[in-house]
């Protein structure tokens, strides 16, 4: 008989629960577009309807390794998110602001 994760977690000690929570947050912090869409509870069909494209276009986009930032922004915004481009260096991180400006110019006000 299968047990619910909540029941198993309740039996774990506080240290084990903390380790599981840290690992879960690490996994959620980085994922491919298709997993992000699924984690947001969206199907390719629903996302396609929001973006006014056909479902195969979503499948193709999720497999791409190279795309325009505007395409990625539209995809993220259709999922209810906001895209930020951040450059990370050994001495710190910098948010690239001109991509945000391009998105603001493209959006109707």
PDB file of N, CA and C in Angstrom:
ATOM      1  N   UNK A   1       0.846  -1.184   0.000  1.00  0.00           N
ATOM      2  CA  UNK A   1       0.000   0.000   0.000  1.00  0.00           C
ATOM      3  C   UNK A   1       0.890   1.246   0.000  1.00  0.00           C
ATOM      4  N   UNK A   2       0.569   2.184  -0.852  1.00  0.00           N
ATOM      5  CA  UNK A   2       1.346   3.419  -0.952  1.00  0.00           C
ATOM      6  C   UNK A   2       1.024   4.337   0.217  1.00  0.00           C
ATOM      7  N   UNK A   3       2.053   5.027   0.685  1.00  0.00           N
ATOM      8  CA  UNK A   3       1.865   5.984   1.778  1.00  0.00           C
ATOM      9  C   UNK A   3       1.962   7.388   1.223  1.00  0.00           C
ATOM     10  N   UNK A   4       1.239   8.299   1.813  1.00  0.00           N
ATOM     11  CA  UNK A   4       1.303   9.696   1.414  1.00  0.00           C
ATOM     12  C   UNK A   4       2.614  10.284   1.900  1.00  0.00           C
ATOM     13  N   UNK A   5       3.177  11.178   1.057  1.00  0.00           N
ATOM     14  CA  UNK A   5       4.443  11.803   1.416  1.00  0.00           C
ATOM     15  C   UNK A   5       4.321  12.581   2.725  1.00  0.00           C
ATOM     16  N   UNK A   6       3.201  13.224   2.939  1.00  0.00           N
ATOM     17  CA  UNK A   6       2.997  14.001   4.168  1.00  0.00           C
ATOM     18  C   UNK A   6       3.135  13.114   5.407  1.00  0.00           C
ATOM     19  N   UNK A   7       2.641  11.868   5.306  1.00  0.00           N
ATOM     20  CA  UNK A   7       2.762  10.941   6.431  1.00  0.00           C
ATOM     21  C   UNK A   7       4.222  10.558   6.660  1.00  0.00           C
ATOM     22  N   UNK A   8       4.927  10.278   5.563  1.00  0.00           N
ATOM     23  CA  UNK A   8       6.342   9.922   5.690  1.00  0.00           C
ATOM     24  C   UNK A   8       7.150  11.094   6.240  1.00  0.00           C
ATOM     25  N   UNK A   9       6.850  12.289   5.740  1.00  0.00           N
ATOM     26  CA  UNK A   9       7.572  13.482   6.195  1.00  0.00           C
ATOM     27  C   UNK A   9       7.342  13.732   7.683  1.00  0.00           C
ATOM     28  N   UNK A  10       6.125  13.494   8.146  1.00  0.00           N
ATOM     29  CA  UNK A  10       5.802  13.720   9.552  1.00  0.00           C
ATOM     30  C   UNK A  10       6.641  12.823  10.467  1.00  0.00           C
ATOM     31  N   UNK A  11       7.047  11.667   9.955  1.00  0.00           N
ATOM     32  CA  UNK A  11       7.858  10.736  10.741  1.00  0.00           C
ATOM     33  C   UNK A  11       9.343  11.089  10.716  1.00  0.00           C
ATOM     34  N   UNK A  12       9.723  12.005   9.816  1.00  0.00           N
ATOM     35  CA  UNK A  12      11.135  12.409   9.701  1.00  0.00           C
ATOM     36  C   UNK A  12      11.497  13.358  10.834  1.00  0.00           C
ATOM     37  N   UNK A  13      12.750  13.318  11.223  1.00  0.00           N
ATOM     38  CA  UNK A  13      13.230  14.254  12.226  1.00  0.00           C
ATOM     39  C   UNK A  13      13.363  15.655  11.641  1.00  0.00           C
ATOM     40  N   UNK A  14      13.500  16.663  12.508  1.00  0.00           N
ATOM     41  CA  UNK A  14      13.608  18.048  12.042  1.00  0.00           C
ATOM     42  C   UNK A  14      14.789  18.279  11.094  1.00  0.00           C
ATOM     43  N   UNK A  15      15.918  17.627  11.357  1.00  0.00           N
ATOM     44  CA  UNK A  15      17.096  17.789  10.492  1.00  0.00           C
ATOM     45  C   UNK A  15      16.828  17.213   9.100  1.00  0.00           C
ATOM     46  N   UNK A  16      16.193  16.057   9.047  1.00  0.00           N
ATOM     47  CA  UNK A  16      15.867  15.442   7.765  1.00  0.00           C
ATOM     48  C   UNK A  16      14.863  16.290   6.997  1.00  0.00           C
ATOM     49  N   UNK A  17      13.869  16.830   7.694  1.00  0.00           N
ATOM     50  CA  UNK A  17      12.891  17.692   7.044  1.00  0.00           C
ATOM     51  C   UNK A  17      13.560  18.938   6.467  1.00  0.00           C
ATOM     52  N   UNK A  18      14.513  19.495   7.207  1.00  0.00           N
ATOM     53  CA  UNK A  18      15.226  20.689   6.738  1.00  0.00           C
ATOM     54  C   UNK A  18      16.046  20.360   5.492  1.00  0.00           C
ATOM     55  N   UNK A  19      16.720  19.204   5.479  1.00  0.00           N
ATOM     56  CA  UNK A  19      17.504  18.795   4.306  1.00  0.00           C
ATOM     57  C   UNK A  19      16.606  18.610   3.092  1.00  0.00           C
ATOM     58  N   UNK A  20      15.451  18.003   3.289  1.00  0.00           N
ATOM     59  CA  UNK A  20      14.512  17.789   2.191  1.00  0.00           C
ATOM     60  C   UNK A  20      14.021  19.136   1.650  1.00  0.00           C
ATOM     61  N   UNK A  21      13.724  20.066   2.541  1.00  0.00           N
ATOM     62  CA  UNK A  21      13.247  21.386   2.111  1.00  0.00           C
ATOM     63  C   UNK A  21      14.318  22.118   1.314  1.00  0.00           C
ATOM     64  N   UNK A  22      15.569  22.053   1.741  1.00  0.00           N
ATOM     65  CA  UNK A  22      16.669  22.702   1.015  1.00  0.00           C
ATOM     66  C   UNK A  22      16.814  22.080  -0.370  1.00  0.00           C
ATOM     67  N   UNK A  23      16.772  20.763  -0.454  1.00  0.00           N
ATOM     68  CA  UNK A  23      16.895  20.083  -1.744  1.00  0.00           C
ATOM     69  C   UNK A  23      15.723  20.444  -2.659  1.00  0.00           C
ATOM     70  N   UNK A  24      14.530  20.523  -2.113  1.00  0.00           N
ATOM     71  CA  UNK A  24      13.356  20.890  -2.911  1.00  0.00           C
ATOM     72  C   UNK A  24      13.511  22.300  -3.471  1.00  0.00           C
ATOM     73  N   UNK A  25      14.001  23.222  -2.666  1.00  0.00           N
ATOM     74  CA  UNK A  25      14.194  24.592  -3.133  1.00  0.00           C
ATOM     75  C   UNK A  25      15.276  24.663  -4.214  1.00  0.00           C
ATOM     76  N   UNK A  26      16.320  23.848  -4.083  1.00  0.00           N
ATOM     77  CA  UNK A  26      17.366  23.799  -5.112  1.00  0.00           C
ATOM     78  C   UNK A  26      16.790  23.296  -6.434  1.00  0.00           C
ATOM     79  N   UNK A  27      15.962  22.270  -6.374  1.00  0.00           N
ATOM     80  CA  UNK A  27      15.364  21.718  -7.583  1.00  0.00           C
ATOM     81  C   UNK A  27      14.401  22.713  -8.234  1.00  0.00           C
ATOM     82  N   UNK A  28      13.682  23.472  -7.427  1.00  0.00           N
ATOM     83  CA  UNK A  28      12.748  24.454  -7.961  1.00  0.00           C
ATOM     84  C   UNK A  28      13.441  25.689  -8.513  1.00  0.00           C
ATOM     85  N   UNK A  29      14.672  25.940  -8.071  1.00  0.00           N
ATOM     86  CA  UNK A  29      15.392  27.137  -8.496  1.00  0.00           C
ATOM     87  C   UNK A  29      15.923  27.028  -9.922  1.00  0.00           C
ATOM     88  N   UNK A  30      16.021  25.826 -10.452  1.00  0.00           N
ATOM     89  CA  UNK A  30      16.566  25.634 -11.800  1.00  0.00           C
ATOM     90  C   UNK A  30      15.838  24.487 -12.470  1.00  0.00           C
ATOM     91  N   UNK A  31      15.197  24.787 -13.598  1.00  0.00           N
ATOM     92  CA  UNK A  31      14.496  23.738 -14.335  1.00  0.00           C
ATOM     93  C   UNK A  31      14.277  24.170 -15.772  1.00  0.00           C
ATOM     94  N   UNK A  32      14.139  23.210 -16.668  1.00  0.00           N
ATOM     95  CA  UNK A  32      13.840  23.545 -18.063  1.00  0.00           C
ATOM     96  C   UNK A  32      12.427  24.115 -18.192  1.00  0.00           C
ATOM     97  N   UNK A  33      12.159  24.778 -19.320  1.00  0.00           N
ATOM     98  CA  UNK A  33      10.862  25.424 -19.538  1.00  0.00           C
ATOM     99  C   UNK A  33       9.688  24.457 -19.400  1.00  0.00           C
ATOM    100  N   UNK A  34       9.814  23.248 -19.941  1.00  0.00           N
ATOM    101  CA  UNK A  34       8.680  22.316 -19.858  1.00  0.00           C
ATOM    102  C   UNK A  34       8.368  21.940 -18.417  1.00  0.00           C
ATOM    103  N   UNK A  35       9.396  21.765 -17.594  1.00  0.00           N
ATOM    104  CA  UNK A  35       9.168  21.446 -16.183  1.00  0.00           C
ATOM    105  C   UNK A  35       8.602  22.645 -15.439  1.00  0.00           C
ATOM    106  N   UNK A  36       9.056  23.840 -15.792  1.00  0.00           N
ATOM    107  CA  UNK A  36       8.511  25.051 -15.183  1.00  0.00           C
ATOM    108  C   UNK A  36       7.025  25.181 -15.497  1.00  0.00           C
ATOM    109  N   UNK A  37       6.670  24.947 -16.758  1.00  0.00           N
ATOM    110  CA  UNK A  37       5.262  25.005 -17.156  1.00  0.00           C
ATOM    111  C   UNK A  37       4.435  24.001 -16.361  1.00  0.00           C
ATOM    112  N   UNK A  38       4.944  22.779 -16.241  1.00  0.00           N
ATOM    113  CA  UNK A  38       4.228  21.740 -15.500  1.00  0.00           C
ATOM    114  C   UNK A  38       4.122  22.096 -14.019  1.00  0.00           C
ATOM    115  N   UNK A  39       5.191  22.643 -13.447  1.00  0.00           N
ATOM    116  CA  UNK A  39       5.178  23.046 -12.043  1.00  0.00           C
ATOM    117  C   UNK A  39       4.159  24.153 -11.795  1.00  0.00           C
ATOM    118  N   UNK A  40       3.911  24.977 -12.820  1.00  0.00           N
ATOM    119  CA  UNK A  40       2.916  26.046 -12.711  1.00  0.00           C
ATOM    120  C   UNK A  40       1.502  25.512 -12.959  1.00  0.00           C
ATOM    121  N   UNK A  41       1.385  24.213 -13.260  1.00  0.00           N
ATOM    122  CA  UNK A  41       0.081  23.588 -13.456  1.00  0.00           C
ATOM    123  C   UNK A  41      -0.559  23.917 -14.790  1.00  0.00           C
ATOM    124  N   UNK A  42       0.271  24.174 -15.805  1.00  0.00           N
ATOM    125  CA  UNK A  42      -0.240  24.524 -17.125  1.00  0.00           C
ATOM    126  C   UNK A  42       0.071  23.428 -18.135  1.00  0.00           C
ATOM    127  N   UNK A  43      -0.869  23.178 -19.024  1.00  0.00           N
ATOM    128  CA  UNK A  43      -0.628  22.254 -20.124  1.00  0.00           C
ATOM    129  C   UNK A  43      -0.093  23.053 -21.313  1.00  0.00           C
ATOM    130  N   UNK A  44       0.496  22.351 -22.278  1.00  0.00           N
ATOM    131  CA  UNK A  44       0.943  23.027 -23.495  1.00  0.00           C
ATOM    132  C   UNK A  44      -0.244  23.659 -24.207  1.00  0.00           C
ATOM    133  N   UNK A  45      -1.385  22.997 -24.179  1.00  0.00           N
ATOM    134  CA  UNK A  45      -2.573  23.511 -24.858  1.00  0.00           C
ATOM    135  C   UNK A  45      -3.029  24.826 -24.247  1.00  0.00           C
ATOM    136  N   UNK A  46      -3.090  24.894 -22.928  1.00  0.00           N
ATOM    137  CA  UNK A  46      -3.521  26.124 -22.249  1.00  0.00           C
ATOM    138  C   UNK A  46      -2.535  27.248 -22.531  1.00  0.00           C
ATOM    139  N   UNK A  47      -1.252  26.963 -22.444  1.00  0.00           N
ATOM    140  CA  UNK A  47      -0.240  27.986 -22.710  1.00  0.00           C
ATOM    141  C   UNK A  47      -0.327  28.458 -24.162  1.00  0.00           C
ATOM    142  N   UNK A  48      -0.575  27.547 -25.073  1.00  0.00           N
ATOM    143  CA  UNK A  48      -0.726  27.910 -26.486  1.00  0.00           C
ATOM    144  C   UNK A  48      -1.915  28.852 -26.673  1.00  0.00           C
ATOM    145  N   UNK A  49      -2.996  28.594 -25.976  1.00  0.00           N
ATOM    146  CA  UNK A  49      -4.173  29.460 -26.076  1.00  0.00           C
ATOM    147  C   UNK A  49      -3.864  30.866 -25.567  1.00  0.00           C
ATOM    148  N   UNK A  50      -3.130  30.950 -24.462  1.00  0.00           N
ATOM    149  CA  UNK A  50      -2.763  32.257 -23.906  1.00  0.00           C
ATOM    150  C   UNK A  50      -1.876  33.030 -24.880  1.00  0.00           C
ATOM    151  N   UNK A  51      -0.960  32.322 -25.539  1.00  0.00           N
ATOM    152  CA  UNK A  51      -0.019  32.957 -26.462  1.00  0.00           C
ATOM    153  C   UNK A  51      -0.577  33.083 -27.889  1.00  0.00           C
ATOM    154  N   UNK A  52      -1.772  32.556 -28.116  1.00  0.00           N
ATOM    155  CA  UNK A  52      -2.411  32.592 -29.439  1.00  0.00           C
ATOM    156  C   UNK A  52      -1.558  31.899 -30.504  1.00  0.00           C
ATOM    157  N   UNK A  53      -1.069  30.708 -30.146  1.00  0.00           N
ATOM    158  CA  UNK A  53      -0.313  29.866 -31.082  1.00  0.00           C
ATOM    159  C   UNK A  53      -0.876  28.450 -30.978  1.00  0.00           C
ATOM    160  N   UNK A  54      -0.387  27.571 -31.831  1.00  0.00           N
ATOM    161  CA  UNK A  54      -0.800  26.172 -31.800  1.00  0.00           C
ATOM    162  C   UNK A  54       0.042  25.415 -30.768  1.00  0.00           C
ATOM    163  N   UNK A  55      -0.508  24.352 -30.205  1.00  0.00           N
ATOM    164  CA  UNK A  55       0.189  23.559 -29.187  1.00  0.00           C
ATOM    165  C   UNK A  55       1.542  23.037 -29.664  1.00  0.00           C
ATOM    166  N   UNK A  56       1.688  22.568 -30.926  1.00  0.00           N
ATOM    167  CA  UNK A  56       3.012  22.104 -31.357  1.00  0.00           C
ATOM    168  C   UNK A  56       4.090  23.203 -31.283  1.00  0.00           C
ATOM    169  N   UNK A  57       3.682  24.454 -31.398  1.00  0.00           N
ATOM    170  CA  UNK A  57       4.646  25.551 -31.277  1.00  0.00           C
ATOM    171  C   UNK A  57       5.228  25.613 -29.866  1.00  0.00           C
ATOM    172  N   UNK A  58       4.408  25.322 -28.872  1.00  0.00           N
ATOM    173  CA  UNK A  58       4.878  25.309 -27.479  1.00  0.00           C
ATOM    174  C   UNK A  58       5.851  24.153 -27.288  1.00  0.00           C
ATOM    175  N   UNK A  59       5.511  22.986 -27.814  1.00  0.00           N
ATOM    176  CA  UNK A  59       6.393  21.821 -27.697  1.00  0.00           C
ATOM    177  C   UNK A  59       7.749  22.112 -28.338  1.00  0.00           C
ATOM    178  N   UNK A  60       7.730  22.722 -29.502  1.00  0.00           N
ATOM    179  CA  UNK A  60       8.970  23.049 -30.216  1.00  0.00           C
ATOM    180  C   UNK A  60       9.790  24.073 -29.427  1.00  0.00           C
ATOM    181  N   UNK A  61       9.124  25.091 -28.903  1.00  0.00           N
ATOM    182  CA  UNK A  61       9.816  26.134 -28.148  1.00  0.00           C
ATOM    183  C   UNK A  61      10.497  25.559 -26.906  1.00  0.00           C
ATOM    184  N   UNK A  62       9.805  24.640 -26.237  1.00  0.00           N
ATOM    185  CA  UNK A  62      10.355  24.063 -25.007  1.00  0.00           C
ATOM    186  C   UNK A  62      11.585  23.199 -25.257  1.00  0.00           C
ATOM    187  N   UNK A  63      11.782  22.756 -26.486  1.00  0.00           N
ATOM    188  CA  UNK A  63      12.944  21.929 -26.816  1.00  0.00           C
ATOM    189  C   UNK A  63      14.126  22.755 -27.314  1.00  0.00           C
ATOM    190  N   UNK A  64      13.885  24.035 -27.611  1.00  0.00           N
ATOM    191  CA  UNK A  64      14.946  24.879 -28.173  1.00  0.00           C
ATOM    192  C   UNK A  64      16.000  25.216 -27.127  1.00  0.00           C
ATOM    193  N   UNK A  65      17.220  25.325 -27.577  1.00  0.00           N
ATOM    194  CA  UNK A  65      18.314  25.741 -26.693  1.00  0.00           C
ATOM    195  C   UNK A  65      18.733  27.176 -26.959  1.00  0.00           C
ATOM    196  N   UNK A  66      18.158  27.789 -27.998  1.00  0.00           N
ATOM    197  CA  UNK A  66      18.496  29.162 -28.355  1.00  0.00           C
ATOM    198  C   UNK A  66      17.223  29.850 -28.839  1.00  0.00           C
ATOM    199  N   UNK A  67      16.963  31.048 -28.310  1.00  0.00           N
ATOM    200  CA  UNK A  67      15.768  31.784 -28.721  1.00  0.00           C
ATOM    201  C   UNK A  67      15.946  33.260 -28.394  1.00  0.00           C
ATOM    202  N   UNK A  68      15.094  34.080 -28.991  1.00  0.00           N
ATOM    203  CA  UNK A  68      15.096  35.500 -28.681  1.00  0.00           C
ATOM    204  C   UNK A  68      14.649  35.722 -27.236  1.00  0.00           C
ATOM    205  N   UNK A  69      15.199  36.725 -26.600  1.00  0.00           N
ATOM    206  CA  UNK A  69      14.780  37.068 -25.244  1.00  0.00           C
ATOM    207  C   UNK A  69      13.306  37.450 -25.235  1.00  0.00           C
ATOM    208  N   UNK A  70      12.835  38.135 -26.287  1.00  0.00           N
ATOM    209  CA  UNK A  70      11.422  38.521 -26.345  1.00  0.00           C
ATOM    210  C   UNK A  70      10.509  37.292 -26.384  1.00  0.00           C
ATOM    211  N   UNK A  71      10.945  36.225 -27.048  1.00  0.00           N
ATOM    212  CA  UNK A  71      10.163  34.985 -27.100  1.00  0.00           C
ATOM    213  C   UNK A  71      10.105  34.351 -25.719  1.00  0.00           C
ATOM    214  N   UNK A  72      11.248  34.292 -25.060  1.00  0.00           N
ATOM    215  CA  UNK A  72      11.294  33.727 -23.715  1.00  0.00           C
ATOM    216  C   UNK A  72      10.463  34.572 -22.758  1.00  0.00           C
ATOM    217  N   UNK A  73      10.550  35.899 -22.883  1.00  0.00           N
ATOM    218  CA  UNK A  73       9.769  36.787 -22.019  1.00  0.00           C
ATOM    219  C   UNK A  73       8.272  36.515 -22.186  1.00  0.00           C
ATOM    220  N   UNK A  74       7.809  36.419 -23.425  1.00  0.00           N
ATOM    221  CA  UNK A  74       6.388  36.147 -23.683  1.00  0.00           C
ATOM    222  C   UNK A  74       5.964  34.831 -23.043  1.00  0.00           C
ATOM    223  N   UNK A  75       6.797  33.825 -23.170  1.00  0.00           N
ATOM    224  CA  UNK A  75       6.507  32.503 -22.616  1.00  0.00           C
ATOM    225  C   UNK A  75       6.386  32.585 -21.095  1.00  0.00           C
ATOM    226  N   UNK A  76       7.345  33.245 -20.453  1.00  0.00           N
ATOM    227  CA  UNK A  76       7.351  33.381 -18.989  1.00  0.00           C
ATOM    228  C   UNK A  76       6.154  34.196 -18.518  1.00  0.00           C
ATOM    229  N   UNK A  77       5.871  35.302 -19.214  1.00  0.00           N
ATOM    230  CA  UNK A  77       4.739  36.142 -18.826  1.00  0.00           C
ATOM    231  C   UNK A  77       3.406  35.415 -18.996  1.00  0.00           C
ATOM    232  N   UNK A  78       3.302  34.548 -20.003  1.00  0.00           N
ATOM    233  CA  UNK A  78       2.089  33.760 -20.202  1.00  0.00           C
ATOM    234  C   UNK A  78       1.871  32.783 -19.045  1.00  0.00           C
ATOM    235  N   UNK A  79       2.949  32.432 -18.351  1.00  0.00           N
ATOM    236  CA  UNK A  79       2.848  31.556 -17.181  1.00  0.00           C
ATOM    237  C   UNK A  79       2.621  32.358 -15.905  1.00  0.00           C
ATOM    238  N   UNK A  80       2.564  33.686 -16.042  1.00  0.00           N
ATOM    239  CA  UNK A  80       2.325  34.524 -14.869  1.00  0.00           C
ATOM    240  C   UNK A  80       3.589  35.048 -14.216  1.00  0.00           C
ATOM    241  N   UNK A  81       4.722  34.888 -14.897  1.00  0.00           N
ATOM    242  CA  UNK A  81       5.992  35.317 -14.320  1.00  0.00           C
ATOM    243  C   UNK A  81       6.532  36.581 -14.965  1.00  0.00           C
ATOM    244  N   UNK A  82       7.733  36.921 -14.562  1.00  0.00           N
ATOM    245  CA  UNK A  82       8.439  38.088 -15.087  1.00  0.00           C
ATOM    246  C   UNK A  82       9.887  37.666 -15.336  1.00  0.00           C
ATOM    247  N   UNK A  83      10.396  37.968 -16.528  1.00  0.00           N
ATOM    248  CA  UNK A  83      11.755  37.577 -16.884  1.00  0.00           C
ATOM    249  C   UNK A  83      12.740  38.666 -16.496  1.00  0.00           C
ATOM    250  N   UNK A  84      13.828  38.268 -15.858  1.00  0.00           N
ATOM    251  CA  UNK A  84      14.934  39.168 -15.557  1.00  0.00           C
ATOM    252  C   UNK A  84      16.205  38.522 -16.084  1.00  0.00           C
ATOM    253  N   UNK A  85      17.070  39.303 -16.703  1.00  0.00           N
ATOM    254  CA  UNK A  85      18.348  38.802 -17.190  1.00  0.00           C
ATOM    255  C   UNK A  85      19.417  39.305 -16.227  1.00  0.00           C
ATOM    256  N   UNK A  86      20.143  38.371 -15.631  1.00  0.00           N
ATOM    257  CA  UNK A  86      21.155  38.710 -14.629  1.00  0.00           C
ATOM    258  C   UNK A  86      22.490  38.101 -15.039  1.00  0.00           C
ATOM    259  N   UNK A  87      23.524  38.943 -15.065  1.00  0.00           N
ATOM    260  CA  UNK A  87      24.888  38.477 -15.334  1.00  0.00           C
ATOM    261  C   UNK A  87      25.574  38.265 -13.987  1.00  0.00           C
ATOM    262  N   UNK A  88      26.139  37.085 -13.783  1.00  0.00           N
ATOM    263  CA  UNK A  88      26.810  36.773 -12.521  1.00  0.00           C
ATOM    264  C   UNK A  88      28.313  36.730 -12.747  1.00  0.00           C
ATOM    265  N   UNK A  89      29.033  37.434 -11.888  1.00  0.00           N
ATOM    266  CA  UNK A  89      30.486  37.492 -11.929  1.00  0.00           C
ATOM    267  C   UNK A  89      31.021  37.067 -10.573  1.00  0.00           C
ATOM    268  N   UNK A  90      32.308  36.722 -10.492  1.00  0.00           N
ATOM    269  CA  UNK A  90      32.868  36.322  -9.196  1.00  0.00           C
ATOM    270  C   UNK A  90      32.680  37.395  -8.110  1.00  0.00           C
ATOM    271  N   UNK A  91      32.661  38.660  -8.524  1.00  0.00           N
ATOM    272  CA  UNK A  91      32.548  39.725  -7.514  1.00  0.00           C
ATOM    273  C   UNK A  91      31.130  40.278  -7.366  1.00  0.00           C
ATOM    274  N   UNK A  92      30.142  39.641  -7.987  1.00  0.00           N
ATOM    275  CA  UNK A  92      28.762  40.080  -7.809  1.00  0.00           C
ATOM    276  C   UNK A  92      27.911  39.846  -9.043  1.00  0.00           C
ATOM    277  N   UNK A  93      26.641  40.211  -8.938  1.00  0.00           N
ATOM    278  CA  UNK A  93      25.680  40.026 -10.021  1.00  0.00           C
ATOM    279  C   UNK A  93      25.127  41.372 -10.453  1.00  0.00           C
ATOM    280  N   UNK A  94      24.774  41.461 -11.747  1.00  0.00           N
ATOM    281  CA  UNK A  94      24.228  42.689 -12.309  1.00  0.00           C
ATOM    282  C   UNK A  94      22.991  42.336 -13.122  1.00  0.00           C
ATOM    283  N   UNK A  95      21.885  43.022 -12.828  1.00  0.00           N
ATOM    284  CA  UNK A  95      20.675  42.844 -13.630  1.00  0.00           C
ATOM    285  C   UNK A  95      20.833  43.685 -14.891  1.00  0.00           C
ATOM    286  N   UNK A  96      20.671  43.061 -16.050  1.00  0.00           N
ATOM    287  CA  UNK A  96      20.800  43.768 -17.324  1.00  0.00           C
ATOM    288  C   UNK A  96      19.478  44.496 -17.572  1.00  0.00           C
ATOM    289  N   UNK A  97      19.510  45.820 -17.519  1.00  0.00           N
ATOM    290  CA  UNK A  97      18.274  46.600 -17.536  1.00  0.00           C
ATOM    291  C   UNK A  97      17.741  46.891 -18.931  1.00  0.00           C
ATOM    292  N   UNK A  98      18.589  46.893 -19.952  1.00  0.00           N
ATOM    293  CA  UNK A  98      18.063  47.282 -21.264  1.00  0.00           C
ATOM    294  C   UNK A  98      17.069  46.269 -21.824  1.00  0.00           C
ATOM    295  N   UNK A  99      17.076  45.014 -21.359  1.00  0.00           N
ATOM    296  CA  UNK A  99      16.080  44.053 -21.799  1.00  0.00           C
ATOM    297  C   UNK A  99      14.718  44.376 -21.197  1.00  0.00           C
ATOM    298  N   UNK A 100      14.699  44.863 -19.971  1.00  0.00           N
ATOM    299  CA  UNK A 100      13.449  45.281 -19.351  1.00  0.00           C
ATOM    300  C   UNK A 100      12.870  46.475 -20.088  1.00  0.00           C
ATOM    301  N   UNK A 101      13.741  47.392 -20.519  1.00  0.00           N
ATOM    302  CA  UNK A 101      13.280  48.570 -21.252  1.00  0.00           C
ATOM    303  C   UNK A 101      12.671  48.173 -22.592  1.00  0.00           C
ATOM    304  N   UNK A 102      13.268  47.186 -23.254  1.00  0.00           N
ATOM    305  CA  UNK A 102      12.740  46.718 -24.543  1.00  0.00           C
ATOM    306  C   UNK A 102      11.350  46.122 -24.324  1.00  0.00           C
ATOM    307  N   UNK A 103      11.181  45.352 -23.257  1.00  0.00           N
ATOM    308  CA  UNK A 103       9.869  44.776 -22.962  1.00  0.00           C
ATOM    309  C   UNK A 103       8.839  45.840 -22.660  1.00  0.00           C
ATOM    310  N   UNK A 104       9.228  46.900 -21.961  1.00  0.00           N
ATOM    311  CA  UNK A 104       8.303  47.980 -21.630  1.00  0.00           C
ATOM    312  C   UNK A 104       7.891  48.733 -22.881  1.00  0.00           C
ATOM    313  N   UNK A 105       8.826  48.915 -23.827  1.00  0.00           N
ATOM    314  CA  UNK A 105       8.521  49.616 -25.065  1.00  0.00           C
ATOM    315  C   UNK A 105       7.573  48.793 -25.928  1.00  0.00           C
ATOM    316  N   UNK A 106       7.728  47.484 -25.891  1.00  0.00           N
ATOM    317  CA  UNK A 106       6.907  46.600 -26.722  1.00  0.00           C
ATOM    318  C   UNK A 106       5.499  46.435 -26.157  1.00  0.00           C
ATOM    319  N   UNK A 107       5.343  46.647 -24.836  1.00  0.00           N
ATOM    320  CA  UNK A 107       4.047  46.455 -24.202  1.00  0.00           C
ATOM    321  C   UNK A 107       3.164  47.677 -24.427  1.00  0.00           C
ATOM    322  N   UNK A 108       1.888  47.446 -24.740  1.00  0.00           N
ATOM    323  CA  UNK A 108       0.976  48.582 -24.880  1.00  0.00           C
ATOM    324  C   UNK A 108       0.716  49.219 -23.530  1.00  0.00           C
ATOM    325  N   UNK A 109       0.680  50.553 -23.471  1.00  0.00           N
ATOM    326  CA  UNK A 109       0.447  51.241 -22.189  1.00  0.00           C
ATOM    327  C   UNK A 109      -0.881  51.927 -22.150  1.00  0.00           C
TER     328      UNK A 109
END
